[in-house]
Amino acid sequence: MTDEHSTIEAHLATSYLIRSIIVTIVCLVLGVWGIWDYVEIIPRQEREFARAEVCRAFNQYAEPVVSGGEAPNEKRRAEFVTAVLRSLEIEGGGAIESDIDGLREAVSSGGEHAIDTLEELLVKRLLPEAVRQAAESQGAETGSTLQTGPRSESTWLAAEAAMVRGARTPTLASGDSGDVLRQGLLLAQAQLNLYGEVEQPSAYDRPIQWLFILCLPFVPWYLWGVVVNKRKRFALDADGTLHVPGETWSPQDLADIDMKKWMSKSKAWVVHTDGHRVLMDDYIFKGVYRIVGEIASARYPAEWTDEAKRVKKDTAPPEPADSSEMPEIDA
């Protein structure tokens, strides 16, 4: 046991504290990163990819008409309208869900109603609303000049409305229809310069972000573990009195020590005479091995040293027998 005037104490290990803080920071960063990607980056990527698809579909419809003088291709126009509806579904959300459902039915029926209604939806509802929101975000007064960037929603909706207006032109024979298509092509190319390189998010992107987000519960878990263990103290007095968290055991209270997991996990359990056990973890508490070693060596001196190491068995080979006592072997 301990010498006459010493007390062995064990407190929270610095290595455990550092590891817990590092893990907490890593989990926090991964969790916040996952949330940011899930609510901002991936939706933005989906939105910009859908915009690029609208521009590509309009180019496929309008380019042959403007450059080659071909007649408008109804299949390509339907594909363009479908791309616009897919983009609006992402841009507008639930507010225009019923409008989009009705427009899809109109597109499938092949009538002109879909594209007429689509232009009205863009020009009279969505575009003014986008401009109003942009003005509010900038704090612009009524009548003042609104500054919008090339990637703003209002800029995109204005370009999209111009493309829809161009797609309404059935032939080049009526008035300025060719100019309307050319203007739509110019705006489509300008938007493709912004969004043409954007790739469609993978189907696995959101599930992966959830793996990162699920790291967040470990942040309070590890912090709470540090707070709780910081308050714990283990000590063994010279007279054999054992101090464990919230309790003080006299030498007579200490019934046994369980060392089954000590060599594999550095964990031992001291056992009270009433049967309850207290874990002593050398991974978490610095110096606890000395307390464990003192108790184990006192109870099992043939198995454990006071440093909590197993006693090495004597493996010396047996001494050879006296040659004078060995029987003679006939030649």
C-alpha atoms as a PDB file:
ATOM      1  CA  MET A   1       0.000   0.000   0.000  1.00  0.00           C
ATOM      2  CA  THR A   2       0.990   3.669   0.109  1.00  0.00           C
ATOM      3  CA  ASP A   3       3.679   4.880   2.422  1.00  0.00           C
ATOM      4  CA  GLU A   4       2.806   6.338   5.791  1.00  0.00           C
ATOM      5  CA  HIS A   5       2.292   9.986   4.783  1.00  0.00           C
ATOM      6  CA  SER A   6       1.233   9.865   1.132  1.00  0.00           C
ATOM      7  CA  THR A   7      -2.102  10.024  -0.653  1.00  0.00           C
ATOM      8  CA  ILE A   8      -2.418   8.903  -4.247  1.00  0.00           C
ATOM      9  CA  GLU A   9      -4.760  11.064  -6.316  1.00  0.00           C
ATOM     10  CA  ALA A  10      -6.092  10.765  -9.848  1.00  0.00           C
ATOM     11  CA  HIS A  11      -7.657  13.592 -11.838  1.00  0.00           C
ATOM     12  CA  LEU A  12      -8.934  14.130 -15.368  1.00  0.00           C
ATOM     13  CA  ALA A  13      -6.220  13.273 -17.883  1.00  0.00           C
ATOM     14  CA  THR A  14      -5.015  16.124 -20.083  1.00  0.00           C
ATOM     15  CA  SER A  15      -4.837  13.749 -23.049  1.00  0.00           C
ATOM     16  CA  TYR A  16      -8.516  12.861 -22.590  1.00  0.00           C
ATOM     17  CA  LEU A  17      -9.445  16.543 -22.341  1.00  0.00           C
ATOM     18  CA  ILE A  18      -7.543  17.431 -25.528  1.00  0.00           C
ATOM     19  CA  ARG A  19      -9.001  14.503 -27.456  1.00  0.00           C
ATOM     20  CA  SER A  20     -12.522  15.395 -26.345  1.00  0.00           C
ATOM     21  CA  ILE A  21     -12.097  19.025 -27.402  1.00  0.00           C
ATOM     22  CA  ILE A  22     -10.677  18.019 -30.793  1.00  0.00           C
ATOM     23  CA  VAL A  23     -13.511  15.561 -31.420  1.00  0.00           C
ATOM     24  CA  THR A  24     -16.054  18.187 -30.342  1.00  0.00           C
ATOM     25  CA  ILE A  25     -14.631  20.759 -32.769  1.00  0.00           C
ATOM     26  CA  VAL A  26     -14.479  18.238 -35.633  1.00  0.00           C
ATOM     27  CA  CYS A  27     -18.088  17.126 -35.033  1.00  0.00           C
ATOM     28  CA  LEU A  28     -19.241  20.756 -34.834  1.00  0.00           C
ATOM     29  CA  VAL A  29     -17.485  21.702 -38.082  1.00  0.00           C
ATOM     30  CA  LEU A  30     -18.808  18.633 -39.926  1.00  0.00           C
ATOM     31  CA  GLY A  31     -22.330  19.198 -38.618  1.00  0.00           C
ATOM     32  CA  VAL A  32     -22.451  22.889 -39.556  1.00  0.00           C
ATOM     33  CA  TRP A  33     -20.879  22.094 -42.909  1.00  0.00           C
ATOM     34  CA  GLY A  34     -23.553  19.445 -43.531  1.00  0.00           C
ATOM     35  CA  ILE A  35     -26.372  21.851 -42.644  1.00  0.00           C
ATOM     36  CA  TRP A  36     -24.932  24.583 -44.868  1.00  0.00           C
ATOM     37  CA  ASP A  37     -24.590  22.215 -47.815  1.00  0.00           C
ATOM     38  CA  TYR A  38     -28.055  20.769 -47.240  1.00  0.00           C
ATOM     39  CA  VAL A  39     -29.979  24.049 -46.948  1.00  0.00           C
ATOM     40  CA  GLU A  40     -27.843  26.356 -49.130  1.00  0.00           C
ATOM     41  CA  ILE A  41     -25.253  24.771 -51.446  1.00  0.00           C
ATOM     42  CA  ILE A  42     -27.260  21.827 -52.812  1.00  0.00           C
ATOM     43  CA  PRO A  43     -30.487  23.843 -53.376  1.00  0.00           C
ATOM     44  CA  ARG A  44     -28.440  26.563 -55.091  1.00  0.00           C
ATOM     45  CA  GLN A  45     -26.763  23.952 -57.297  1.00  0.00           C
ATOM     46  CA  GLU A  46     -30.157  22.456 -58.185  1.00  0.00           C
ATOM     47  CA  ARG A  47     -31.541  25.901 -58.954  1.00  0.00           C
ATOM     48  CA  GLU A  48     -28.628  26.929 -61.165  1.00  0.00           C
ATOM     49  CA  PHE A  49     -28.550  23.597 -63.010  1.00  0.00           C
ATOM     50  CA  ALA A  50     -32.287  23.961 -63.738  1.00  0.00           C
ATOM     51  CA  ARG A  51     -31.647  27.473 -65.077  1.00  0.00           C
ATOM     52  CA  ALA A  52     -28.951  26.160 -67.383  1.00  0.00           C
ATOM     53  CA  GLU A  53     -31.308  23.446 -68.621  1.00  0.00           C
ATOM     54  CA  VAL A  54     -33.896  26.116 -69.508  1.00  0.00           C
ATOM     55  CA  CYS A  55     -31.293  28.030 -71.525  1.00  0.00           C
ATOM     56  CA  ARG A  56     -30.083  24.913 -73.324  1.00  0.00           C
ATOM     57  CA  ALA A  57     -33.652  23.878 -74.168  1.00  0.00           C
ATOM     58  CA  PHE A  58     -34.445  27.357 -75.517  1.00  0.00           C
ATOM     59  CA  ASN A  59     -31.291  27.346 -77.643  1.00  0.00           C
ATOM     60  CA  GLN A  60     -32.277  24.008 -79.178  1.00  0.00           C
ATOM     61  CA  TYR A  61     -35.692  25.435 -80.027  1.00  0.00           C
ATOM     62  CA  ALA A  62     -34.768  28.970 -81.190  1.00  0.00           C
ATOM     63  CA  GLU A  63     -31.342  28.533 -82.830  1.00  0.00           C
ATOM     64  CA  PRO A  64     -32.562  26.561 -85.886  1.00  0.00           C
ATOM     65  CA  VAL A  65     -35.373  29.067 -86.371  1.00  0.00           C
ATOM     66  CA  VAL A  66     -33.167  32.167 -86.178  1.00  0.00           C
ATOM     67  CA  SER A  67     -30.081  30.836 -87.940  1.00  0.00           C
ATOM     68  CA  GLY A  68     -31.478  28.326 -90.382  1.00  0.00           C
ATOM     69  CA  GLY A  69     -34.942  29.662 -91.038  1.00  0.00           C
ATOM     70  CA  GLU A  70     -36.531  26.399 -89.988  1.00  0.00           C
ATOM     71  CA  ALA A  71     -40.103  26.174 -88.843  1.00  0.00           C
ATOM     72  CA  PRO A  72     -40.586  26.045 -85.059  1.00  0.00           C
ATOM     73  CA  ASN A  73     -40.325  22.503 -83.724  1.00  0.00           C
ATOM     74  CA  GLU A  74     -43.247  21.813 -81.397  1.00  0.00           C
ATOM     75  CA  LYS A  75     -41.471  18.950 -79.642  1.00  0.00           C
ATOM     76  CA  ARG A  76     -38.501  21.174 -78.786  1.00  0.00           C
ATOM     77  CA  ARG A  77     -40.830  23.919 -77.613  1.00  0.00           C
ATOM     78  CA  ALA A  78     -42.630  21.460 -75.344  1.00  0.00           C
ATOM     79  CA  GLU A  79     -39.242  20.368 -73.935  1.00  0.00           C
ATOM     80  CA  PHE A  80     -38.383  24.016 -73.307  1.00  0.00           C
ATOM     81  CA  VAL A  81     -41.669  24.639 -71.476  1.00  0.00           C
ATOM     82  CA  THR A  82     -41.120  21.499 -69.396  1.00  0.00           C
ATOM     83  CA  ALA A  83     -37.648  22.767 -68.433  1.00  0.00           C
ATOM     84  CA  VAL A  84     -39.172  26.136 -67.459  1.00  0.00           C
ATOM     85  CA  LEU A  85     -41.764  24.411 -65.268  1.00  0.00           C
ATOM     86  CA  ARG A  86     -39.039  22.334 -63.585  1.00  0.00           C
ATOM     87  CA  SER A  87     -37.088  25.522 -62.888  1.00  0.00           C
ATOM     88  CA  LEU A  88     -40.131  27.353 -61.570  1.00  0.00           C
ATOM     89  CA  GLU A  89     -40.936  24.449 -59.277  1.00  0.00           C
ATOM     90  CA  ILE A  90     -37.534  24.966 -57.650  1.00  0.00           C
ATOM     91  CA  GLU A  91     -37.656  28.790 -57.713  1.00  0.00           C
ATOM     92  CA  GLY A  92     -41.257  29.320 -56.643  1.00  0.00           C
ATOM     93  CA  GLY A  93     -41.797  26.446 -54.243  1.00  0.00           C
ATOM     94  CA  GLY A  94     -45.263  25.653 -52.911  1.00  0.00           C
ATOM     95  CA  ALA A  95     -46.689  29.097 -53.706  1.00  0.00           C
ATOM     96  CA  ILE A  96     -47.140  28.217 -57.407  1.00  0.00           C
ATOM     97  CA  GLU A  97     -47.435  24.458 -57.107  1.00  0.00           C
ATOM     98  CA  SER A  98     -51.051  24.424 -58.293  1.00  0.00           C
ATOM     99  CA  ASP A  99     -50.171  26.652 -61.279  1.00  0.00           C
ATOM    100  CA  ILE A 100     -47.350  24.324 -62.306  1.00  0.00           C
ATOM    101  CA  ASP A 101     -49.582  21.250 -62.073  1.00  0.00           C
ATOM    102  CA  GLY A 102     -52.126  22.910 -64.367  1.00  0.00           C
ATOM    103  CA  LEU A 103     -49.439  23.989 -66.813  1.00  0.00           C
ATOM    104  CA  ARG A 104     -48.046  20.461 -67.013  1.00  0.00           C
ATOM    105  CA  GLU A 105     -51.461  19.189 -68.024  1.00  0.00           C
ATOM    106  CA  ALA A 106     -51.689  21.910 -70.675  1.00  0.00           C
ATOM    107  CA  VAL A 107     -48.247  21.001 -72.049  1.00  0.00           C
ATOM    108  CA  SER A 108     -49.201  17.342 -72.296  1.00  0.00           C
ATOM    109  CA  SER A 109     -52.357  18.299 -74.228  1.00  0.00           C
ATOM    110  CA  GLY A 110     -50.243  20.223 -76.749  1.00  0.00           C
ATOM    111  CA  GLY A 111     -52.268  23.462 -76.630  1.00  0.00           C
ATOM    112  CA  GLU A 112     -51.073  27.065 -76.706  1.00  0.00           C
ATOM    113  CA  HIS A 113     -52.683  27.779 -73.348  1.00  0.00           C
ATOM    114  CA  ALA A 114     -49.638  26.568 -71.386  1.00  0.00           C
ATOM    115  CA  ILE A 115     -47.113  28.986 -72.814  1.00  0.00           C
ATOM    116  CA  ASP A 116     -49.554  31.927 -72.692  1.00  0.00           C
ATOM    117  CA  THR A 117     -50.288  31.256 -69.029  1.00  0.00           C
ATOM    118  CA  LEU A 118     -46.612  30.703 -68.341  1.00  0.00           C
ATOM    119  CA  GLU A 119     -45.659  34.145 -69.615  1.00  0.00           C
ATOM    120  CA  GLU A 120     -48.435  35.714 -67.564  1.00  0.00           C
ATOM    121  CA  LEU A 121     -47.227  33.840 -64.462  1.00  0.00           C
ATOM    122  CA  LEU A 122     -43.681  35.084 -64.979  1.00  0.00           C
ATOM    123  CA  VAL A 123     -44.382  38.662 -66.000  1.00  0.00           C
ATOM    124  CA  LYS A 124     -47.341  39.514 -63.780  1.00  0.00           C
ATOM    125  CA  ARG A 125     -46.626  37.510 -60.625  1.00  0.00           C
ATOM    126  CA  LEU A 126     -43.172  36.073 -60.129  1.00  0.00           C
ATOM    127  CA  LEU A 127     -41.037  38.851 -61.612  1.00  0.00           C
ATOM    128  CA  PRO A 128     -42.728  41.722 -59.715  1.00  0.00           C
ATOM    129  CA  GLU A 129     -42.548  39.688 -56.519  1.00  0.00           C
ATOM    130  CA  ALA A 130     -38.820  39.039 -57.037  1.00  0.00           C
ATOM    131  CA  VAL A 131     -38.201  42.744 -57.663  1.00  0.00           C
ATOM    132  CA  ARG A 132     -40.183  43.672 -54.554  1.00  0.00           C
ATOM    133  CA  GLN A 133     -38.209  41.246 -52.389  1.00  0.00           C
ATOM    134  CA  ALA A 134     -34.923  42.527 -53.817  1.00  0.00           C
ATOM    135  CA  ALA A 135     -35.965  46.098 -53.047  1.00  0.00           C
ATOM    136  CA  GLU A 136     -36.868  45.176 -49.469  1.00  0.00           C
ATOM    137  CA  SER A 137     -33.563  43.397 -48.960  1.00  0.00           C
ATOM    138  CA  GLN A 138     -31.686  46.482 -50.205  1.00  0.00           C
ATOM    139  CA  GLY A 139     -33.888  48.892 -48.289  1.00  0.00           C
ATOM    140  CA  ALA A 140     -34.638  50.748 -51.538  1.00  0.00           C
ATOM    141  CA  GLU A 141     -37.309  53.454 -51.449  1.00  0.00           C
ATOM    142  CA  THR A 142     -40.243  53.556 -53.860  1.00  0.00           C
ATOM    143  CA  GLY A 143     -39.174  55.052 -57.170  1.00  0.00           C
ATOM    144  CA  SER A 144     -35.454  54.619 -56.530  1.00  0.00           C
ATOM    145  CA  THR A 145     -33.181  52.670 -58.850  1.00  0.00           C
ATOM    146  CA  LEU A 146     -32.901  49.018 -57.833  1.00  0.00           C
ATOM    147  CA  GLN A 147     -29.465  47.423 -58.152  1.00  0.00           C
ATOM    148  CA  THR A 148     -29.659  43.751 -59.102  1.00  0.00           C
ATOM    149  CA  GLY A 149     -26.739  41.455 -59.820  1.00  0.00           C
ATOM    150  CA  PRO A 150     -26.378  39.078 -62.767  1.00  0.00           C
ATOM    151  CA  ARG A 151     -27.177  36.084 -60.531  1.00  0.00           C
ATOM    152  CA  SER A 152     -30.189  37.648 -58.808  1.00  0.00           C
ATOM    153  CA  GLU A 153     -33.585  36.011 -59.027  1.00  0.00           C
ATOM    154  CA  SER A 154     -35.148  39.062 -60.674  1.00  0.00           C
ATOM    155  CA  THR A 155     -32.461  39.108 -63.393  1.00  0.00           C
ATOM    156  CA  TRP A 156     -33.007  35.431 -64.076  1.00  0.00           C
ATOM    157  CA  LEU A 157     -36.827  35.709 -64.169  1.00  0.00           C
ATOM    158  CA  ALA A 158     -36.586  38.637 -66.605  1.00  0.00           C
ATOM    159  CA  ALA A 159     -34.379  36.542 -68.909  1.00  0.00           C
ATOM    160  CA  GLU A 160     -36.668  33.539 -68.532  1.00  0.00           C
ATOM    161  CA  ALA A 161     -39.717  35.673 -69.365  1.00  0.00           C
ATOM    162  CA  ALA A 162     -37.955  36.906 -72.531  1.00  0.00           C
ATOM    163  CA  MET A 163     -37.268  33.317 -73.562  1.00  0.00           C
ATOM    164  CA  VAL A 164     -40.886  32.335 -72.941  1.00  0.00           C
ATOM    165  CA  ARG A 165     -42.029  35.336 -74.972  1.00  0.00           C
ATOM    166  CA  GLY A 166     -39.760  34.205 -77.804  1.00  0.00           C
ATOM    167  CA  ALA A 167     -41.122  30.670 -77.619  1.00  0.00           C
ATOM    168  CA  ARG A 168     -44.645  32.050 -78.111  1.00  0.00           C
ATOM    169  CA  THR A 169     -43.642  33.262 -81.604  1.00  0.00           C
ATOM    170  CA  PRO A 170     -44.859  30.537 -83.948  1.00  0.00           C
ATOM    171  CA  THR A 171     -43.239  31.780 -87.195  1.00  0.00           C
ATOM    172  CA  LEU A 172     -40.859  34.439 -88.495  1.00  0.00           C
ATOM    173  CA  ALA A 173     -43.560  35.970 -90.696  1.00  0.00           C
ATOM    174  CA  SER A 174     -45.250  38.133 -88.082  1.00  0.00           C
ATOM    175  CA  GLY A 175     -43.756  41.504 -87.250  1.00  0.00           C
ATOM    176  CA  ASP A 176     -40.745  41.511 -84.939  1.00  0.00           C
ATOM    177  CA  SER A 177     -40.930  37.811 -84.065  1.00  0.00           C
ATOM    178  CA  GLY A 178     -37.355  37.261 -85.251  1.00  0.00           C
ATOM    179  CA  ASP A 179     -36.098  40.042 -82.969  1.00  0.00           C
ATOM    180  CA  VAL A 180     -37.943  38.521 -80.008  1.00  0.00           C
ATOM    181  CA  LEU A 181     -36.276  35.163 -80.608  1.00  0.00           C
ATOM    182  CA  ARG A 182     -32.848  36.776 -81.019  1.00  0.00           C
ATOM    183  CA  GLN A 183     -33.281  38.724 -77.798  1.00  0.00           C
ATOM    184  CA  GLY A 184     -34.203  35.492 -76.026  1.00  0.00           C
ATOM    185  CA  LEU A 185     -31.120  33.783 -77.468  1.00  0.00           C
ATOM    186  CA  LEU A 186     -28.846  36.588 -76.286  1.00  0.00           C
ATOM    187  CA  LEU A 187     -30.237  36.397 -72.764  1.00  0.00           C
ATOM    188  CA  ALA A 188     -30.066  32.596 -72.778  1.00  0.00           C
ATOM    189  CA  GLN A 189     -26.396  32.703 -73.767  1.00  0.00           C
ATOM    190  CA  ALA A 190     -25.660  35.285 -71.063  1.00  0.00           C
ATOM    191  CA  GLN A 191     -27.267  33.029 -68.442  1.00  0.00           C
ATOM    192  CA  LEU A 192     -25.422  29.976 -69.774  1.00  0.00           C
ATOM    193  CA  ASN A 193     -22.170  31.836 -69.236  1.00  0.00           C
ATOM    194  CA  LEU A 194     -23.141  31.978 -65.556  1.00  0.00           C
ATOM    195  CA  TYR A 195     -24.680  28.551 -65.030  1.00  0.00           C
ATOM    196  CA  GLY A 196     -23.533  26.399 -67.929  1.00  0.00           C
ATOM    197  CA  GLU A 197     -20.777  24.664 -65.939  1.00  0.00           C
ATOM    198  CA  VAL A 198     -22.994  23.795 -62.962  1.00  0.00           C
ATOM    199  CA  GLU A 199     -23.498  20.058 -62.529  1.00  0.00           C
ATOM    200  CA  GLN A 200     -26.665  18.430 -61.288  1.00  0.00           C
ATOM    201  CA  PRO A 201     -26.380  17.353 -57.635  1.00  0.00           C
ATOM    202  CA  SER A 202     -25.930  13.636 -57.132  1.00  0.00           C
ATOM    203  CA  ALA A 203     -28.699  11.545 -55.600  1.00  0.00           C
ATOM    204  CA  TYR A 204     -26.247  10.763 -52.774  1.00  0.00           C
ATOM    205  CA  ASP A 205     -25.438  14.388 -51.915  1.00  0.00           C
ATOM    206  CA  ARG A 206     -28.230  14.908 -49.407  1.00  0.00           C
ATOM    207  CA  PRO A 207     -27.830  11.513 -47.625  1.00  0.00           C
ATOM    208  CA  ILE A 208     -24.112  12.247 -47.242  1.00  0.00           C
ATOM    209  CA  GLN A 209     -24.884  15.625 -45.694  1.00  0.00           C
ATOM    210  CA  TRP A 210     -27.137  13.865 -43.207  1.00  0.00           C
ATOM    211  CA  LEU A 211     -24.158  11.798 -42.099  1.00  0.00           C
ATOM    212  CA  PHE A 212     -22.340  15.061 -41.375  1.00  0.00           C
ATOM    213  CA  ILE A 213     -25.369  16.585 -39.647  1.00  0.00           C
ATOM    214  CA  LEU A 214     -25.657  13.538 -37.391  1.00  0.00           C
ATOM    215  CA  CYS A 215     -22.235  14.445 -35.981  1.00  0.00           C
ATOM    216  CA  LEU A 216     -23.846  17.374 -34.114  1.00  0.00           C
ATOM    217  CA  PRO A 217     -25.345  15.304 -31.233  1.00  0.00           C
ATOM    218  CA  PHE A 218     -21.803  14.238 -30.334  1.00  0.00           C
ATOM    219  CA  VAL A 219     -20.887  17.864 -29.571  1.00  0.00           C
ATOM    220  CA  PRO A 220     -22.943  18.152 -26.336  1.00  0.00           C
ATOM    221  CA  TRP A 221     -22.193  14.502 -25.578  1.00  0.00           C
ATOM    222  CA  TYR A 222     -18.431  15.052 -25.460  1.00  0.00           C
ATOM    223  CA  LEU A 223     -18.733  18.444 -23.750  1.00  0.00           C
ATOM    224  CA  TRP A 224     -20.979  16.979 -21.078  1.00  0.00           C
ATOM    225  CA  GLY A 225     -18.548  14.103 -20.595  1.00  0.00           C
ATOM    226  CA  VAL A 226     -15.725  16.567 -19.953  1.00  0.00           C
ATOM    227  CA  VAL A 227     -17.839  18.612 -17.507  1.00  0.00           C
ATOM    228  CA  VAL A 228     -18.958  15.532 -15.565  1.00  0.00           C
ATOM    229  CA  ASN A 229     -15.548  13.861 -15.415  1.00  0.00           C
ATOM    230  CA  LYS A 230     -13.832  17.140 -14.519  1.00  0.00           C
ATOM    231  CA  ARG A 231     -15.684  17.079 -11.196  1.00  0.00           C
ATOM    232  CA  LYS A 232     -14.668  13.515 -10.350  1.00  0.00           C
ATOM    233  CA  ARG A 233     -11.785  12.684  -8.022  1.00  0.00           C
ATOM    234  CA  PHE A 234     -10.221   9.403  -7.052  1.00  0.00           C
ATOM    235  CA  ALA A 235      -7.816   9.139  -4.119  1.00  0.00           C
ATOM    236  CA  LEU A 236      -6.311   6.483  -1.865  1.00  0.00           C
ATOM    237  CA  ASP A 237      -5.106   7.585   1.579  1.00  0.00           C
ATOM    238  CA  ALA A 238      -2.181   6.056   3.415  1.00  0.00           C
ATOM    239  CA  ASP A 239      -4.543   4.241   5.816  1.00  0.00           C
ATOM    240  CA  GLY A 240      -6.374   2.574   2.932  1.00  0.00           C
ATOM    241  CA  THR A 241      -9.348   4.947   2.804  1.00  0.00           C
ATOM    242  CA  LEU A 242     -10.622   5.162  -0.775  1.00  0.00           C
ATOM    243  CA  HIS A 243     -12.241   8.306  -2.161  1.00  0.00           C
ATOM    244  CA  VAL A 244     -14.439   7.810  -5.234  1.00  0.00           C
ATOM    245  CA  PRO A 245     -16.897  10.315  -6.755  1.00  0.00           C
ATOM    246  CA  GLY A 246     -19.503  11.133  -4.128  1.00  0.00           C
ATOM    247  CA  GLU A 247     -18.313   8.456  -1.686  1.00  0.00           C
ATOM    248  CA  THR A 248     -15.598   7.635   0.840  1.00  0.00           C
ATOM    249  CA  TRP A 249     -14.859   4.008   1.597  1.00  0.00           C
ATOM    250  CA  SER A 250     -13.040   2.782   4.658  1.00  0.00           C
ATOM    251  CA  PRO A 251     -10.633  -0.154   4.223  1.00  0.00           C
ATOM    252  CA  GLN A 252     -13.401  -2.406   5.605  1.00  0.00           C
ATOM    253  CA  ASP A 253     -15.858  -1.155   2.911  1.00  0.00           C
ATOM    254  CA  LEU A 254     -13.601  -2.255   0.062  1.00  0.00           C
ATOM    255  CA  ALA A 255     -14.547  -5.856  -0.667  1.00  0.00           C
ATOM    256  CA  ASP A 256     -12.745  -6.565  -3.924  1.00  0.00           C
ATOM    257  CA  ILE A 257     -11.375  -5.206  -7.191  1.00  0.00           C
ATOM    258  CA  ASP A 258     -12.359  -6.557 -10.611  1.00  0.00           C
ATOM    259  CA  MET A 259      -9.344  -6.575 -12.957  1.00  0.00           C
ATOM    260  CA  LYS A 260     -10.806  -8.577 -15.848  1.00  0.00           C
ATOM    261  CA  LYS A 261     -10.739  -5.623 -18.289  1.00  0.00           C
ATOM    262  CA  TRP A 262      -7.630  -3.915 -16.978  1.00  0.00           C
ATOM    263  CA  MET A 263      -5.060  -5.291 -19.394  1.00  0.00           C
ATOM    264  CA  SER A 264      -7.317  -4.892 -22.470  1.00  0.00           C
ATOM    265  CA  LYS A 265      -9.121  -1.606 -21.723  1.00  0.00           C
ATOM    266  CA  SER A 266      -7.390  -0.087 -18.666  1.00  0.00           C
ATOM    267  CA  LYS A 267     -10.639  -0.381 -16.706  1.00  0.00           C
ATOM    268  CA  ALA A 268     -11.063  -1.799 -13.214  1.00  0.00           C
ATOM    269  CA  TRP A 269     -14.035  -1.858 -10.842  1.00  0.00           C
ATOM    270  CA  VAL A 270     -13.710  -1.494  -7.095  1.00  0.00           C
ATOM    271  CA  VAL A 271     -16.431  -3.430  -5.269  1.00  0.00           C
ATOM    272  CA  HIS A 272     -18.115  -2.211  -2.066  1.00  0.00           C
ATOM    273  CA  THR A 273     -19.173  -4.652   0.613  1.00  0.00           C
ATOM    274  CA  ASP A 274     -22.809  -3.838  -0.203  1.00  0.00           C
ATOM    275  CA  GLY A 275     -22.195  -5.034  -3.784  1.00  0.00           C
ATOM    276  CA  HIS A 276     -22.178  -1.818  -5.789  1.00  0.00           C
ATOM    277  CA  ARG A 277     -19.232  -1.153  -8.076  1.00  0.00           C
ATOM    278  CA  VAL A 278     -17.371   1.969  -9.192  1.00  0.00           C
ATOM    279  CA  LEU A 279     -15.440   2.157 -12.456  1.00  0.00           C
ATOM    280  CA  MET A 280     -11.845   3.361 -12.435  1.00  0.00           C
ATOM    281  CA  ASP A 281     -10.760   4.237 -15.981  1.00  0.00           C
ATOM    282  CA  ASP A 282      -7.089   4.951 -16.578  1.00  0.00           C
ATOM    283  CA  TYR A 283      -7.903   6.329 -20.062  1.00  0.00           C
ATOM    284  CA  ILE A 284      -9.928   9.178 -18.556  1.00  0.00           C
ATOM    285  CA  PHE A 285      -8.192   9.783 -15.217  1.00  0.00           C
ATOM    286  CA  LYS A 286      -4.474  10.339 -14.981  1.00  0.00           C
ATOM    287  CA  GLY A 287      -2.759   8.359 -12.233  1.00  0.00           C
ATOM    288  CA  VAL A 288      -5.648   6.015 -11.521  1.00  0.00           C
ATOM    289  CA  TYR A 289      -3.382   3.065 -12.347  1.00  0.00           C
ATOM    290  CA  ARG A 290      -1.433   3.737  -9.140  1.00  0.00           C
ATOM    291  CA  ILE A 291      -4.589   3.429  -7.015  1.00  0.00           C
ATOM    292  CA  VAL A 292      -5.622   0.306  -8.902  1.00  0.00           C
ATOM    293  CA  GLY A 293      -2.128  -1.149  -8.513  1.00  0.00           C
ATOM    294  CA  GLU A 294      -2.047  -0.521  -4.769  1.00  0.00           C
ATOM    295  CA  ILE A 295      -5.425  -2.174  -4.214  1.00  0.00           C
ATOM    296  CA  ALA A 296      -4.822  -5.088  -6.606  1.00  0.00           C
ATOM    297  CA  SER A 297      -1.344  -5.868  -5.269  1.00  0.00           C
ATOM    298  CA  ALA A 298      -2.637  -5.823  -1.689  1.00  0.00           C
ATOM    299  CA  ARG A 299      -5.404  -8.308  -2.473  1.00  0.00           C
ATOM    300  CA  TYR A 300      -3.703 -10.399  -5.154  1.00  0.00           C
ATOM    301  CA  PRO A 301       0.040 -10.028  -4.574  1.00  0.00           C
ATOM    302  CA  ALA A 302       0.813 -13.133  -6.585  1.00  0.00           C
ATOM    303  CA  GLU A 303      -0.912 -11.664  -9.672  1.00  0.00           C
ATOM    304  CA  TRP A 304      -0.486  -7.862  -9.630  1.00  0.00           C
ATOM    305  CA  THR A 305       2.269  -5.380  -8.841  1.00  0.00           C
ATOM    306  CA  ASP A 306       1.709  -1.982  -7.227  1.00  0.00           C
ATOM    307  CA  GLU A 307       2.102  -0.477 -10.739  1.00  0.00           C
ATOM    308  CA  ALA A 308      -1.001  -2.410 -11.890  1.00  0.00           C
ATOM    309  CA  LYS A 309       1.068  -4.816 -13.976  1.00  0.00           C
ATOM    310  CA  ARG A 310       0.839  -8.571 -13.929  1.00  0.00           C
ATOM    311  CA  VAL A 311       3.439 -10.344 -11.866  1.00  0.00           C
ATOM    312  CA  LYS A 312       5.874 -12.158 -14.131  1.00  0.00           C
ATOM    313  CA  LYS A 313       5.906 -15.880 -13.490  1.00  0.00           C
ATOM    314  CA  ASP A 314       9.233 -17.590 -12.818  1.00  0.00           C
ATOM    315  CA  THR A 315      10.054 -19.363 -16.076  1.00  0.00           C
ATOM    316  CA  ALA A 316      13.671 -20.341 -15.272  1.00  0.00           C
ATOM    317  CA  PRO A 317      14.492 -23.894 -16.475  1.00  0.00           C
ATOM    318  CA  PRO A 318      14.864 -26.549 -13.760  1.00  0.00           C
ATOM    319  CA  GLU A 319      18.398 -27.291 -12.528  1.00  0.00           C
ATOM    320  CA  PRO A 320      19.956 -30.424 -14.042  1.00  0.00           C
ATOM    321  CA  ALA A 321      20.042 -33.495 -11.836  1.00  0.00           C
ATOM    322  CA  ASP A 322      23.267 -34.485 -10.021  1.00  0.00           C
ATOM    323  CA  SER A 323      25.320 -36.589 -12.439  1.00  0.00           C
ATOM    324  CA  SER A 324      26.415 -38.871  -9.614  1.00  0.00           C
ATOM    325  CA  GLU A 325      22.788 -39.952  -9.140  1.00  0.00           C
ATOM    326  CA  MET A 326      22.206 -40.648 -12.812  1.00  0.00           C
ATOM    327  CA  PRO A 327      22.108 -44.375 -13.745  1.00  0.00           C
ATOM    328  CA  GLU A 328      24.967 -45.725 -15.763  1.00  0.00           C
ATOM    329  CA  ILE A 329      24.263 -46.711 -19.332  1.00  0.00           C
ATOM    330  CA  ASP A 330      26.030 -49.850 -20.623  1.00  0.00           C
ATOM    331  CA  ALA A 331      28.145 -49.212 -23.667  1.00  0.00           C
END
